[in-house]
Amino acid sequence: MTAPAADRAPAPDRAPAPVRVARFRSSRRVPAALTALAVLGAAGLFLYDLAAVRAHRPGMEWRRELTRQLERQTPADPAVLVGAGVLAVVGALLLFLALAPGLRKILPMRPPGTAAGIRAGLARKAAAQVLRDRAMEVSGVQSARVRVRRSHAVVRAASHFRELDDVRADLEEVLAVGIAELGLAHPPRARVRVTRAPVGKR
């Protein structure tokens, strides 16, 4: 049986203040390559068709058909509206991929004060595993599940003895120390939920 959390080092009075650290950005090689290939293919088709027309040869059949369709269609036609909506969604998705940092599974850590230009990150699964190990050290905790997000860490624990309020208080204390020791630039807030373990699993 492990010692109660009260016998351990006391939790800090407050969590470290958040530090302005840029999130890790994804290179997004696959979306960029697919977009470049699509643009290159479309540009190649238009250039080929333009060269054929300049050489006094008939243009490509799809372009002539597209021209005839555009002569008959109006902006209020359903087909035009659907096509415009699809293009708008694709454009919004491309803008989102270009502007969003990505790499949501990596949490930026506080920069070391003595080494300029060095950045460090911690995977969410690794942070969750560390906090779960800390939670399992609390007396009375039989099992624990931890999910770490950007702003909070959700901890669900099952206790097979001791009062639930006492276990919750010890968990909050231990997790406050564990989160502070992770060294994250934006320490998440712990959300602790303690339930009684089923009788058959004690």
N, C-alpha and C. Protein backbone atom coordinates (compact mmCIF):
# COMPACT_ATOMS: atom_id res chain seq x y z
N MET A 1 0.85 -1.19 0.00
CA MET A 1 0.00 0.00 0.00
C MET A 1 0.88 1.23 0.00
N THR A 2 0.57 2.17 -0.85
CA THR A 2 1.37 3.38 -0.95
C THR A 2 0.95 4.39 0.11
N ALA A 3 1.83 5.29 0.40
CA ALA A 3 1.55 6.30 1.40
C ALA A 3 0.55 7.30 0.86
N PRO A 4 -0.28 7.86 1.74
CA PRO A 4 -1.24 8.87 1.27
C PRO A 4 -0.55 10.05 0.67
N ALA A 5 -1.28 10.77 -0.19
CA ALA A 5 -0.68 11.92 -0.86
C ALA A 5 -0.33 13.02 0.11
N ALA A 6 -0.97 13.03 1.31
CA ALA A 6 -0.67 14.09 2.27
C ALA A 6 0.75 14.00 2.78
N ASP A 7 1.35 12.75 2.73
CA ASP A 7 2.72 12.59 3.20
C ASP A 7 3.73 13.00 2.17
N ARG A 8 3.30 13.28 0.96
CA ARG A 8 4.22 13.68 -0.08
C ARG A 8 4.49 15.17 -0.01
N ALA A 9 5.31 15.61 -0.98
CA ALA A 9 5.61 17.04 -1.03
C ALA A 9 4.35 17.82 -1.32
N PRO A 10 4.13 18.92 -0.64
CA PRO A 10 2.90 19.68 -0.84
C PRO A 10 2.84 20.27 -2.23
N ALA A 11 1.63 20.46 -2.71
CA ALA A 11 1.43 21.03 -4.04
C ALA A 11 1.80 22.51 -4.03
N PRO A 12 2.25 23.04 -5.14
CA PRO A 12 2.56 24.45 -5.18
C PRO A 12 1.30 25.29 -4.98
N ASP A 13 1.49 26.52 -4.49
CA ASP A 13 0.36 27.39 -4.22
C ASP A 13 -0.42 27.69 -5.49
N ARG A 14 0.27 27.79 -6.59
CA ARG A 14 -0.39 28.08 -7.86
C ARG A 14 0.43 27.49 -8.99
N ALA A 15 -0.23 27.24 -10.11
CA ALA A 15 0.46 26.68 -11.27
C ALA A 15 1.34 27.75 -11.91
N PRO A 16 2.39 27.34 -12.60
CA PRO A 16 3.24 28.33 -13.28
C PRO A 16 2.43 29.15 -14.26
N ALA A 17 2.77 30.43 -14.34
CA ALA A 17 2.05 31.32 -15.24
C ALA A 17 2.28 30.90 -16.69
N PRO A 18 1.25 30.97 -17.53
CA PRO A 18 1.43 30.60 -18.94
C PRO A 18 2.46 31.49 -19.63
N VAL A 19 3.18 30.91 -20.55
CA VAL A 19 4.21 31.61 -21.30
C VAL A 19 3.79 31.64 -22.77
N ARG A 20 4.02 32.77 -23.42
CA ARG A 20 3.67 32.89 -24.84
C ARG A 20 4.69 32.10 -25.67
N VAL A 21 4.27 30.93 -26.08
CA VAL A 21 5.11 30.04 -26.89
C VAL A 21 4.29 29.61 -28.09
N ALA A 22 4.85 29.77 -29.28
CA ALA A 22 4.13 29.38 -30.50
C ALA A 22 3.97 27.87 -30.56
N ARG A 23 2.83 27.43 -31.04
CA ARG A 23 2.60 26.00 -31.19
C ARG A 23 3.43 25.46 -32.35
N PHE A 24 3.69 24.18 -32.29
CA PHE A 24 4.42 23.52 -33.36
C PHE A 24 3.54 23.46 -34.61
N ARG A 25 4.10 23.82 -35.74
CA ARG A 25 3.36 23.85 -37.00
C ARG A 25 3.70 22.63 -37.84
N SER A 26 2.69 22.07 -38.44
CA SER A 26 2.87 20.92 -39.30
C SER A 26 3.34 21.36 -40.68
N SER A 27 4.23 20.58 -41.26
CA SER A 27 4.71 20.90 -42.61
C SER A 27 3.65 20.58 -43.67
N ARG A 28 2.76 19.66 -43.36
CA ARG A 28 1.65 19.30 -44.26
C ARG A 28 2.15 18.99 -45.67
N ARG A 29 3.07 18.08 -45.78
CA ARG A 29 3.64 17.75 -47.08
C ARG A 29 2.61 17.11 -48.00
N VAL A 30 1.78 16.22 -47.46
CA VAL A 30 0.81 15.51 -48.31
C VAL A 30 -0.25 16.46 -48.87
N PRO A 31 -0.93 17.30 -48.05
CA PRO A 31 -1.90 18.24 -48.66
C PRO A 31 -1.24 19.21 -49.63
N ALA A 32 -0.04 19.68 -49.29
CA ALA A 32 0.64 20.61 -50.20
C ALA A 32 0.99 19.93 -51.52
N ALA A 33 1.44 18.68 -51.46
CA ALA A 33 1.79 17.96 -52.69
C ALA A 33 0.55 17.69 -53.54
N LEU A 34 -0.56 17.30 -52.91
CA LEU A 34 -1.78 17.04 -53.67
C LEU A 34 -2.32 18.32 -54.30
N THR A 35 -2.28 19.41 -53.55
CA THR A 35 -2.74 20.68 -54.11
C THR A 35 -1.87 21.12 -55.28
N ALA A 36 -0.56 20.98 -55.12
CA ALA A 36 0.35 21.36 -56.20
C ALA A 36 0.13 20.50 -57.44
N LEU A 37 -0.10 19.20 -57.25
CA LEU A 37 -0.35 18.33 -58.40
C LEU A 37 -1.66 18.70 -59.10
N ALA A 38 -2.70 19.01 -58.31
CA ALA A 38 -3.97 19.40 -58.92
C ALA A 38 -3.84 20.69 -59.71
N VAL A 39 -3.17 21.69 -59.13
CA VAL A 39 -2.99 22.96 -59.83
C VAL A 39 -2.13 22.76 -61.08
N LEU A 40 -1.08 21.95 -60.96
CA LEU A 40 -0.21 21.70 -62.11
C LEU A 40 -0.97 20.98 -63.23
N GLY A 41 -1.80 20.01 -62.88
CA GLY A 41 -2.57 19.31 -63.90
C GLY A 41 -3.56 20.22 -64.60
N ALA A 42 -4.28 21.06 -63.82
CA ALA A 42 -5.23 21.98 -64.44
C ALA A 42 -4.52 23.00 -65.32
N ALA A 43 -3.40 23.52 -64.84
CA ALA A 43 -2.66 24.49 -65.64
C ALA A 43 -2.13 23.85 -66.92
N GLY A 44 -1.68 22.59 -66.83
CA GLY A 44 -1.20 21.91 -68.02
C GLY A 44 -2.29 21.71 -69.07
N LEU A 45 -3.50 21.36 -68.61
CA LEU A 45 -4.61 21.20 -69.56
C LEU A 45 -4.95 22.51 -70.25
N PHE A 46 -5.02 23.59 -69.48
CA PHE A 46 -5.35 24.88 -70.09
C PHE A 46 -4.25 25.34 -71.05
N LEU A 47 -2.99 25.12 -70.67
CA LEU A 47 -1.90 25.52 -71.56
C LEU A 47 -1.92 24.70 -72.85
N TYR A 48 -2.19 23.42 -72.74
CA TYR A 48 -2.28 22.59 -73.94
C TYR A 48 -3.41 23.05 -74.84
N ASP A 49 -4.56 23.34 -74.25
CA ASP A 49 -5.69 23.79 -75.05
C ASP A 49 -5.39 25.14 -75.70
N LEU A 50 -4.75 26.04 -74.97
CA LEU A 50 -4.41 27.34 -75.53
C LEU A 50 -3.42 27.19 -76.69
N ALA A 51 -2.44 26.31 -76.51
CA ALA A 51 -1.48 26.08 -77.59
C ALA A 51 -2.17 25.48 -78.82
N ALA A 52 -3.15 24.59 -78.62
CA ALA A 52 -3.87 23.99 -79.75
C ALA A 52 -4.67 25.04 -80.51
N VAL A 53 -5.32 25.95 -79.77
CA VAL A 53 -6.10 27.00 -80.44
C VAL A 53 -5.17 27.94 -81.21
N ARG A 54 -4.02 28.28 -80.60
CA ARG A 54 -3.07 29.16 -81.29
C ARG A 54 -2.52 28.49 -82.55
N ALA A 55 -2.46 27.18 -82.56
CA ALA A 55 -1.97 26.44 -83.73
C ALA A 55 -3.09 26.14 -84.72
N HIS A 56 -4.23 26.81 -84.55
CA HIS A 56 -5.38 26.66 -85.45
C HIS A 56 -5.89 25.22 -85.47
N ARG A 57 -5.86 24.62 -84.32
CA ARG A 57 -6.43 23.29 -84.18
C ARG A 57 -7.64 23.41 -83.26
N PRO A 58 -8.60 22.51 -83.40
CA PRO A 58 -9.80 22.61 -82.54
C PRO A 58 -9.43 22.40 -81.07
N GLY A 59 -10.07 23.16 -80.22
CA GLY A 59 -9.83 23.03 -78.80
C GLY A 59 -10.33 21.70 -78.26
N MET A 60 -10.00 21.43 -77.04
CA MET A 60 -10.41 20.18 -76.43
C MET A 60 -11.93 20.15 -76.29
N GLU A 61 -12.50 18.95 -76.43
CA GLU A 61 -13.95 18.81 -76.42
C GLU A 61 -14.55 19.26 -75.09
N TRP A 62 -13.88 18.96 -73.98
CA TRP A 62 -14.44 19.34 -72.68
C TRP A 62 -14.53 20.86 -72.53
N ARG A 63 -13.57 21.60 -73.13
CA ARG A 63 -13.61 23.05 -73.02
C ARG A 63 -14.74 23.63 -73.87
N ARG A 64 -14.94 23.05 -75.06
CA ARG A 64 -16.04 23.52 -75.90
C ARG A 64 -17.39 23.23 -75.25
N GLU A 65 -17.50 22.04 -74.65
CA GLU A 65 -18.74 21.72 -73.95
C GLU A 65 -18.95 22.63 -72.75
N LEU A 66 -17.86 22.93 -72.04
CA LEU A 66 -17.96 23.85 -70.90
C LEU A 66 -18.39 25.24 -71.34
N THR A 67 -17.86 25.67 -72.48
CA THR A 67 -18.25 26.99 -73.00
C THR A 67 -19.73 27.02 -73.36
N ARG A 68 -20.22 25.93 -73.98
CA ARG A 68 -21.65 25.88 -74.34
C ARG A 68 -22.52 25.86 -73.09
N GLN A 69 -22.07 25.13 -72.07
CA GLN A 69 -22.85 25.08 -70.84
C GLN A 69 -22.88 26.44 -70.15
N LEU A 70 -21.77 27.14 -70.15
CA LEU A 70 -21.71 28.46 -69.53
C LEU A 70 -22.58 29.47 -70.26
N GLU A 71 -22.75 29.28 -71.57
CA GLU A 71 -23.63 30.17 -72.32
C GLU A 71 -25.10 29.97 -71.95
N ARG A 72 -25.45 28.74 -71.56
CA ARG A 72 -26.84 28.44 -71.25
C ARG A 72 -27.16 28.60 -69.76
N GLN A 73 -26.16 28.45 -68.90
CA GLN A 73 -26.41 28.51 -67.47
C GLN A 73 -26.35 29.94 -66.97
N THR A 74 -27.07 30.18 -65.85
CA THR A 74 -27.04 31.47 -65.18
C THR A 74 -26.58 31.26 -63.73
N PRO A 75 -26.14 32.32 -63.07
CA PRO A 75 -25.69 32.15 -61.68
C PRO A 75 -26.77 31.63 -60.74
N ALA A 76 -28.03 31.73 -61.11
CA ALA A 76 -29.11 31.27 -60.24
C ALA A 76 -29.46 29.80 -60.44
N ASP A 77 -28.85 29.13 -61.42
CA ASP A 77 -29.17 27.73 -61.67
C ASP A 77 -28.64 26.85 -60.54
N PRO A 78 -29.36 25.79 -60.20
CA PRO A 78 -28.91 24.91 -59.09
C PRO A 78 -27.52 24.32 -59.31
N ALA A 79 -27.22 23.91 -60.54
CA ALA A 79 -25.91 23.31 -60.80
C ALA A 79 -24.79 24.31 -60.53
N VAL A 80 -25.00 25.56 -60.92
CA VAL A 80 -23.98 26.59 -60.68
C VAL A 80 -23.83 26.84 -59.19
N LEU A 81 -24.94 26.88 -58.47
CA LEU A 81 -24.88 27.11 -57.03
C LEU A 81 -24.17 25.96 -56.31
N VAL A 82 -24.48 24.73 -56.73
CA VAL A 82 -23.82 23.58 -56.10
C VAL A 82 -22.31 23.60 -56.38
N GLY A 83 -21.94 23.88 -57.63
CA GLY A 83 -20.51 23.95 -57.94
C GLY A 83 -19.81 25.06 -57.18
N ALA A 84 -20.47 26.21 -57.06
CA ALA A 84 -19.87 27.31 -56.29
C ALA A 84 -19.73 26.94 -54.83
N GLY A 85 -20.73 26.23 -54.28
CA GLY A 85 -20.63 25.81 -52.88
C GLY A 85 -19.50 24.83 -52.65
N VAL A 86 -19.33 23.89 -53.59
CA VAL A 86 -18.23 22.92 -53.45
C VAL A 86 -16.88 23.63 -53.52
N LEU A 87 -16.75 24.55 -54.46
CA LEU A 87 -15.49 25.30 -54.56
C LEU A 87 -15.23 26.14 -53.31
N ALA A 88 -16.29 26.72 -52.75
CA ALA A 88 -16.12 27.52 -51.53
C ALA A 88 -15.68 26.65 -50.36
N VAL A 89 -16.25 25.45 -50.24
CA VAL A 89 -15.85 24.55 -49.16
C VAL A 89 -14.40 24.11 -49.33
N VAL A 90 -14.03 23.76 -50.56
CA VAL A 90 -12.64 23.36 -50.80
C VAL A 90 -11.69 24.51 -50.51
N GLY A 91 -12.03 25.72 -50.92
CA GLY A 91 -11.18 26.86 -50.63
C GLY A 91 -11.06 27.14 -49.14
N ALA A 92 -12.19 27.03 -48.41
CA ALA A 92 -12.13 27.23 -46.96
C ALA A 92 -11.27 26.16 -46.29
N LEU A 93 -11.36 24.91 -46.77
CA LEU A 93 -10.53 23.85 -46.21
C LEU A 93 -9.05 24.11 -46.46
N LEU A 94 -8.72 24.56 -47.66
CA LEU A 94 -7.32 24.85 -47.96
C LEU A 94 -6.81 26.02 -47.11
N LEU A 95 -7.64 27.03 -46.91
CA LEU A 95 -7.24 28.15 -46.05
C LEU A 95 -7.03 27.68 -44.61
N PHE A 96 -7.92 26.80 -44.14
CA PHE A 96 -7.77 26.28 -42.78
C PHE A 96 -6.48 25.50 -42.64
N LEU A 97 -6.17 24.65 -43.62
CA LEU A 97 -4.93 23.87 -43.56
C LEU A 97 -3.71 24.78 -43.62
N ALA A 98 -3.83 25.89 -44.34
CA ALA A 98 -2.68 26.80 -44.45
C ALA A 98 -2.46 27.62 -43.20
N LEU A 99 -3.53 27.99 -42.51
CA LEU A 99 -3.41 28.90 -41.36
C LEU A 99 -3.33 28.18 -40.02
N ALA A 100 -3.96 27.02 -39.90
CA ALA A 100 -3.95 26.31 -38.62
C ALA A 100 -2.56 25.74 -38.34
N PRO A 101 -2.11 25.79 -37.09
CA PRO A 101 -0.77 25.29 -36.78
C PRO A 101 -0.61 23.80 -37.01
N GLY A 102 -1.66 23.02 -36.69
CA GLY A 102 -1.51 21.58 -36.81
C GLY A 102 -0.73 21.00 -35.65
N LEU A 103 -0.36 19.73 -35.73
CA LEU A 103 0.38 19.03 -34.67
C LEU A 103 -0.30 19.25 -33.32
N ARG A 104 -1.60 18.98 -33.27
CA ARG A 104 -2.35 19.19 -32.04
C ARG A 104 -1.94 18.22 -30.95
N LYS A 105 -1.29 17.11 -31.31
CA LYS A 105 -0.91 16.12 -30.32
C LYS A 105 0.38 16.48 -29.59
N ILE A 106 1.02 17.60 -29.97
CA ILE A 106 2.26 18.03 -29.32
C ILE A 106 1.96 19.29 -28.50
N LEU A 107 2.24 19.24 -27.20
CA LEU A 107 2.05 20.37 -26.31
C LEU A 107 3.38 21.11 -26.15
N PRO A 108 3.44 22.40 -26.43
CA PRO A 108 4.71 23.13 -26.26
C PRO A 108 5.09 23.26 -24.80
N MET A 109 6.37 23.15 -24.54
CA MET A 109 6.89 23.23 -23.18
C MET A 109 7.49 24.61 -22.93
N ARG A 110 7.70 24.92 -21.68
CA ARG A 110 8.29 26.20 -21.31
C ARG A 110 9.73 26.25 -21.83
N PRO A 111 10.13 27.35 -22.46
CA PRO A 111 11.50 27.41 -22.99
C PRO A 111 12.51 27.51 -21.86
N PRO A 112 13.65 26.83 -21.99
CA PRO A 112 14.70 26.96 -20.97
C PRO A 112 15.26 28.37 -20.96
N GLY A 113 15.54 28.88 -19.78
CA GLY A 113 16.00 30.26 -19.67
C GLY A 113 17.41 30.49 -20.13
N THR A 114 18.21 29.43 -20.21
CA THR A 114 19.63 29.60 -20.55
C THR A 114 19.97 29.23 -21.97
N ALA A 115 19.02 28.66 -22.71
CA ALA A 115 19.31 28.20 -24.08
C ALA A 115 18.33 28.87 -25.03
N ALA A 116 18.79 29.89 -25.69
CA ALA A 116 17.93 30.62 -26.62
C ALA A 116 17.76 29.82 -27.91
N GLY A 117 16.56 29.89 -28.47
CA GLY A 117 16.30 29.22 -29.73
C GLY A 117 15.97 27.75 -29.63
N ILE A 118 15.93 27.20 -28.44
CA ILE A 118 15.62 25.78 -28.26
C ILE A 118 14.14 25.65 -27.92
N ARG A 119 13.45 24.78 -28.63
CA ARG A 119 12.05 24.52 -28.39
C ARG A 119 11.87 23.05 -28.04
N ALA A 120 10.92 22.80 -27.16
CA ALA A 120 10.64 21.43 -26.74
C ALA A 120 9.14 21.23 -26.69
N GLY A 121 8.74 20.00 -26.94
CA GLY A 121 7.32 19.66 -26.91
C GLY A 121 7.11 18.32 -26.26
N LEU A 122 5.92 18.10 -25.76
CA LEU A 122 5.57 16.86 -25.09
C LEU A 122 4.29 16.32 -25.71
N ALA A 123 4.31 15.05 -26.10
CA ALA A 123 3.13 14.43 -26.68
C ALA A 123 2.02 14.32 -25.64
N ARG A 124 0.80 14.48 -26.08
CA ARG A 124 -0.32 14.40 -25.14
C ARG A 124 -0.40 13.03 -24.48
N LYS A 125 -0.15 11.98 -25.25
CA LYS A 125 -0.21 10.64 -24.67
C LYS A 125 0.85 10.46 -23.60
N ALA A 126 2.04 11.02 -23.81
CA ALA A 126 3.08 10.92 -22.80
C ALA A 126 2.70 11.69 -21.54
N ALA A 127 2.13 12.89 -21.71
CA ALA A 127 1.68 13.66 -20.55
C ALA A 127 0.58 12.92 -19.81
N ALA A 128 -0.35 12.32 -20.55
CA ALA A 128 -1.43 11.57 -19.91
C ALA A 128 -0.88 10.36 -19.15
N GLN A 129 0.13 9.70 -19.69
CA GLN A 129 0.71 8.54 -19.01
C GLN A 129 1.39 8.95 -17.72
N VAL A 130 2.10 10.09 -17.75
CA VAL A 130 2.77 10.56 -16.54
C VAL A 130 1.74 10.89 -15.46
N LEU A 131 0.67 11.59 -15.84
CA LEU A 131 -0.35 11.95 -14.86
C LEU A 131 -1.10 10.71 -14.36
N ARG A 132 -1.29 9.73 -15.23
CA ARG A 132 -1.95 8.50 -14.78
C ARG A 132 -1.08 7.78 -13.76
N ASP A 133 0.23 7.71 -14.00
CA ASP A 133 1.11 7.07 -13.03
C ASP A 133 1.06 7.80 -11.69
N ARG A 134 1.00 9.13 -11.74
CA ARG A 134 0.87 9.89 -10.50
C ARG A 134 -0.44 9.57 -9.79
N ALA A 135 -1.52 9.47 -10.58
CA ALA A 135 -2.82 9.19 -9.97
C ALA A 135 -2.86 7.81 -9.33
N MET A 136 -2.20 6.84 -9.95
CA MET A 136 -2.21 5.49 -9.41
C MET A 136 -1.42 5.39 -8.10
N GLU A 137 -0.60 6.38 -7.78
CA GLU A 137 0.14 6.38 -6.53
C GLU A 137 -0.72 6.80 -5.34
N VAL A 138 -1.86 7.38 -5.60
CA VAL A 138 -2.73 7.85 -4.52
C VAL A 138 -3.39 6.65 -3.85
N SER A 139 -3.38 6.64 -2.54
CA SER A 139 -3.97 5.54 -1.80
C SER A 139 -5.47 5.50 -2.03
N GLY A 140 -5.97 4.32 -2.37
CA GLY A 140 -7.39 4.13 -2.62
C GLY A 140 -7.76 4.10 -4.09
N VAL A 141 -6.86 4.52 -4.98
CA VAL A 141 -7.16 4.53 -6.41
C VAL A 141 -6.87 3.15 -6.99
N GLN A 142 -7.89 2.53 -7.55
CA GLN A 142 -7.72 1.21 -8.16
C GLN A 142 -7.39 1.31 -9.64
N SER A 143 -8.02 2.24 -10.35
CA SER A 143 -7.76 2.45 -11.77
C SER A 143 -7.96 3.92 -12.08
N ALA A 144 -7.32 4.35 -13.14
CA ALA A 144 -7.42 5.76 -13.54
C ALA A 144 -7.25 5.86 -15.04
N ARG A 145 -7.99 6.79 -15.62
CA ARG A 145 -7.87 7.12 -17.03
C ARG A 145 -7.67 8.62 -17.15
N VAL A 146 -6.73 9.02 -17.99
CA VAL A 146 -6.38 10.43 -18.13
C VAL A 146 -6.38 10.78 -19.61
N ARG A 147 -7.01 11.89 -19.92
CA ARG A 147 -6.96 12.46 -21.27
C ARG A 147 -6.52 13.91 -21.14
N VAL A 148 -5.45 14.25 -21.84
CA VAL A 148 -4.88 15.60 -21.76
C VAL A 148 -5.27 16.35 -23.02
N ARG A 149 -5.86 17.51 -22.82
CA ARG A 149 -6.18 18.40 -23.92
C ARG A 149 -5.37 19.69 -23.77
N ARG A 150 -5.63 20.65 -24.63
CA ARG A 150 -4.83 21.88 -24.59
C ARG A 150 -5.06 22.65 -23.31
N SER A 151 -6.29 22.73 -22.84
CA SER A 151 -6.60 23.58 -21.69
C SER A 151 -6.92 22.83 -20.42
N HIS A 152 -7.17 21.53 -20.50
CA HIS A 152 -7.50 20.80 -19.28
C HIS A 152 -7.11 19.33 -19.43
N ALA A 153 -6.97 18.70 -18.30
CA ALA A 153 -6.68 17.27 -18.23
C ALA A 153 -7.83 16.60 -17.50
N VAL A 154 -8.49 15.68 -18.17
CA VAL A 154 -9.65 14.98 -17.60
C VAL A 154 -9.16 13.68 -16.96
N VAL A 155 -9.41 13.55 -15.67
CA VAL A 155 -8.96 12.38 -14.91
C VAL A 155 -10.19 11.69 -14.35
N ARG A 156 -10.35 10.43 -14.69
CA ARG A 156 -11.44 9.59 -14.16
C ARG A 156 -10.80 8.45 -13.39
N ALA A 157 -11.08 8.40 -12.11
CA ALA A 157 -10.48 7.39 -11.24
C ALA A 157 -11.56 6.60 -10.55
N ALA A 158 -11.24 5.35 -10.24
CA ALA A 158 -12.13 4.47 -9.48
C ALA A 158 -11.44 4.10 -8.18
N SER A 159 -12.13 4.26 -7.08
CA SER A 159 -11.57 3.98 -5.76
C SER A 159 -12.26 2.77 -5.15
N HIS A 160 -11.47 1.88 -4.57
CA HIS A 160 -12.04 0.68 -3.97
C HIS A 160 -12.07 0.76 -2.44
N PHE A 161 -11.49 1.79 -1.85
CA PHE A 161 -11.66 2.06 -0.42
C PHE A 161 -11.34 3.53 -0.18
N ARG A 162 -11.54 3.98 1.02
CA ARG A 162 -11.43 5.38 1.43
C ARG A 162 -12.64 6.18 0.92
N GLU A 163 -12.87 7.29 1.56
CA GLU A 163 -13.95 8.18 1.16
C GLU A 163 -13.60 8.83 -0.19
N LEU A 164 -14.61 8.98 -1.02
CA LEU A 164 -14.37 9.54 -2.35
C LEU A 164 -13.85 10.97 -2.28
N ASP A 165 -14.37 11.76 -1.35
CA ASP A 165 -13.91 13.14 -1.23
C ASP A 165 -12.43 13.21 -0.85
N ASP A 166 -12.00 12.29 0.03
CA ASP A 166 -10.59 12.27 0.41
C ASP A 166 -9.71 11.86 -0.77
N VAL A 167 -10.17 10.88 -1.53
CA VAL A 167 -9.39 10.45 -2.69
C VAL A 167 -9.33 11.57 -3.72
N ARG A 168 -10.43 12.27 -3.92
CA ARG A 168 -10.45 13.37 -4.88
C ARG A 168 -9.50 14.49 -4.45
N ALA A 169 -9.50 14.80 -3.17
CA ALA A 169 -8.60 15.86 -2.68
C ALA A 169 -7.14 15.47 -2.87
N ASP A 170 -6.81 14.21 -2.57
CA ASP A 170 -5.43 13.77 -2.77
C ASP A 170 -5.06 13.76 -4.25
N LEU A 171 -6.00 13.36 -5.10
CA LEU A 171 -5.73 13.36 -6.53
C LEU A 171 -5.47 14.77 -7.03
N GLU A 172 -6.28 15.72 -6.64
CA GLU A 172 -6.08 17.10 -7.08
C GLU A 172 -4.73 17.63 -6.63
N GLU A 173 -4.32 17.26 -5.43
CA GLU A 173 -3.01 17.71 -4.93
C GLU A 173 -1.87 17.08 -5.73
N VAL A 174 -1.94 15.78 -5.94
CA VAL A 174 -0.89 15.09 -6.68
C VAL A 174 -0.84 15.55 -8.12
N LEU A 175 -1.99 15.73 -8.75
CA LEU A 175 -2.02 16.15 -10.13
C LEU A 175 -1.52 17.57 -10.31
N ALA A 176 -1.77 18.44 -9.32
CA ALA A 176 -1.25 19.80 -9.40
C ALA A 176 0.28 19.78 -9.44
N VAL A 177 0.89 18.93 -8.62
CA VAL A 177 2.35 18.81 -8.64
C VAL A 177 2.80 18.20 -9.96
N GLY A 178 2.10 17.15 -10.43
CA GLY A 178 2.49 16.49 -11.67
C GLY A 178 2.39 17.41 -12.87
N ILE A 179 1.32 18.21 -12.95
CA ILE A 179 1.17 19.13 -14.07
C ILE A 179 2.25 20.20 -14.04
N ALA A 180 2.58 20.70 -12.85
CA ALA A 180 3.63 21.71 -12.74
C ALA A 180 4.99 21.15 -13.18
N GLU A 181 5.23 19.88 -12.88
CA GLU A 181 6.51 19.27 -13.22
C GLU A 181 6.61 18.89 -14.70
N LEU A 182 5.50 18.89 -15.42
CA LEU A 182 5.57 18.61 -16.86
C LEU A 182 6.29 19.72 -17.61
N GLY A 183 6.29 20.92 -17.06
CA GLY A 183 7.00 22.03 -17.70
C GLY A 183 6.33 22.54 -18.95
N LEU A 184 5.00 22.49 -19.01
CA LEU A 184 4.28 22.95 -20.20
C LEU A 184 4.15 24.46 -20.20
N ALA A 185 4.15 25.03 -21.40
CA ALA A 185 4.00 26.47 -21.50
C ALA A 185 2.60 26.92 -21.08
N HIS A 186 1.61 26.09 -21.34
CA HIS A 186 0.23 26.38 -20.94
C HIS A 186 -0.26 25.19 -20.11
N PRO A 187 -0.02 25.19 -18.81
CA PRO A 187 -0.42 24.05 -17.97
C PRO A 187 -1.92 23.84 -18.01
N PRO A 188 -2.38 22.64 -18.27
CA PRO A 188 -3.83 22.38 -18.29
C PRO A 188 -4.39 22.33 -16.88
N ARG A 189 -5.67 22.60 -16.77
CA ARG A 189 -6.36 22.50 -15.49
C ARG A 189 -6.89 21.08 -15.34
N ALA A 190 -6.73 20.54 -14.15
CA ALA A 190 -7.16 19.16 -13.89
C ALA A 190 -8.65 19.13 -13.56
N ARG A 191 -9.35 18.23 -14.20
CA ARG A 191 -10.75 17.96 -13.91
C ARG A 191 -10.85 16.52 -13.41
N VAL A 192 -11.10 16.38 -12.14
CA VAL A 192 -11.02 15.08 -11.49
C VAL A 192 -12.43 14.57 -11.19
N ARG A 193 -12.64 13.31 -11.53
CA ARG A 193 -13.88 12.63 -11.22
C ARG A 193 -13.55 11.29 -10.60
N VAL A 194 -14.08 11.06 -9.40
CA VAL A 194 -13.79 9.82 -8.68
C VAL A 194 -15.11 9.09 -8.45
N THR A 195 -15.12 7.82 -8.81
CA THR A 195 -16.29 6.98 -8.59
C THR A 195 -15.87 5.74 -7.79
N ARG A 196 -16.86 5.06 -7.27
CA ARG A 196 -16.60 3.85 -6.51
C ARG A 196 -16.44 2.67 -7.46
N ALA A 197 -15.38 1.91 -7.27
CA ALA A 197 -15.12 0.76 -8.12
C ALA A 197 -16.19 -0.30 -7.89
N PRO A 198 -16.57 -1.05 -8.93
CA PRO A 198 -17.55 -2.12 -8.75
C PRO A 198 -17.10 -3.12 -7.70
N VAL A 199 -18.07 -3.67 -6.98
CA VAL A 199 -17.74 -4.58 -5.89
C VAL A 199 -17.00 -5.81 -6.40
N GLY A 200 -17.36 -6.30 -7.56
CA GLY A 200 -16.73 -7.52 -8.06
C GLY A 200 -15.29 -7.32 -8.49
N LYS A 201 -14.83 -6.05 -8.67
CA LYS A 201 -13.48 -5.78 -9.12
C LYS A 201 -12.56 -5.31 -8.01
N ARG A 202 -12.99 -5.38 -6.78
CA ARG A 202 -12.14 -4.94 -5.68
C ARG A 202 -11.06 -5.95 -5.40
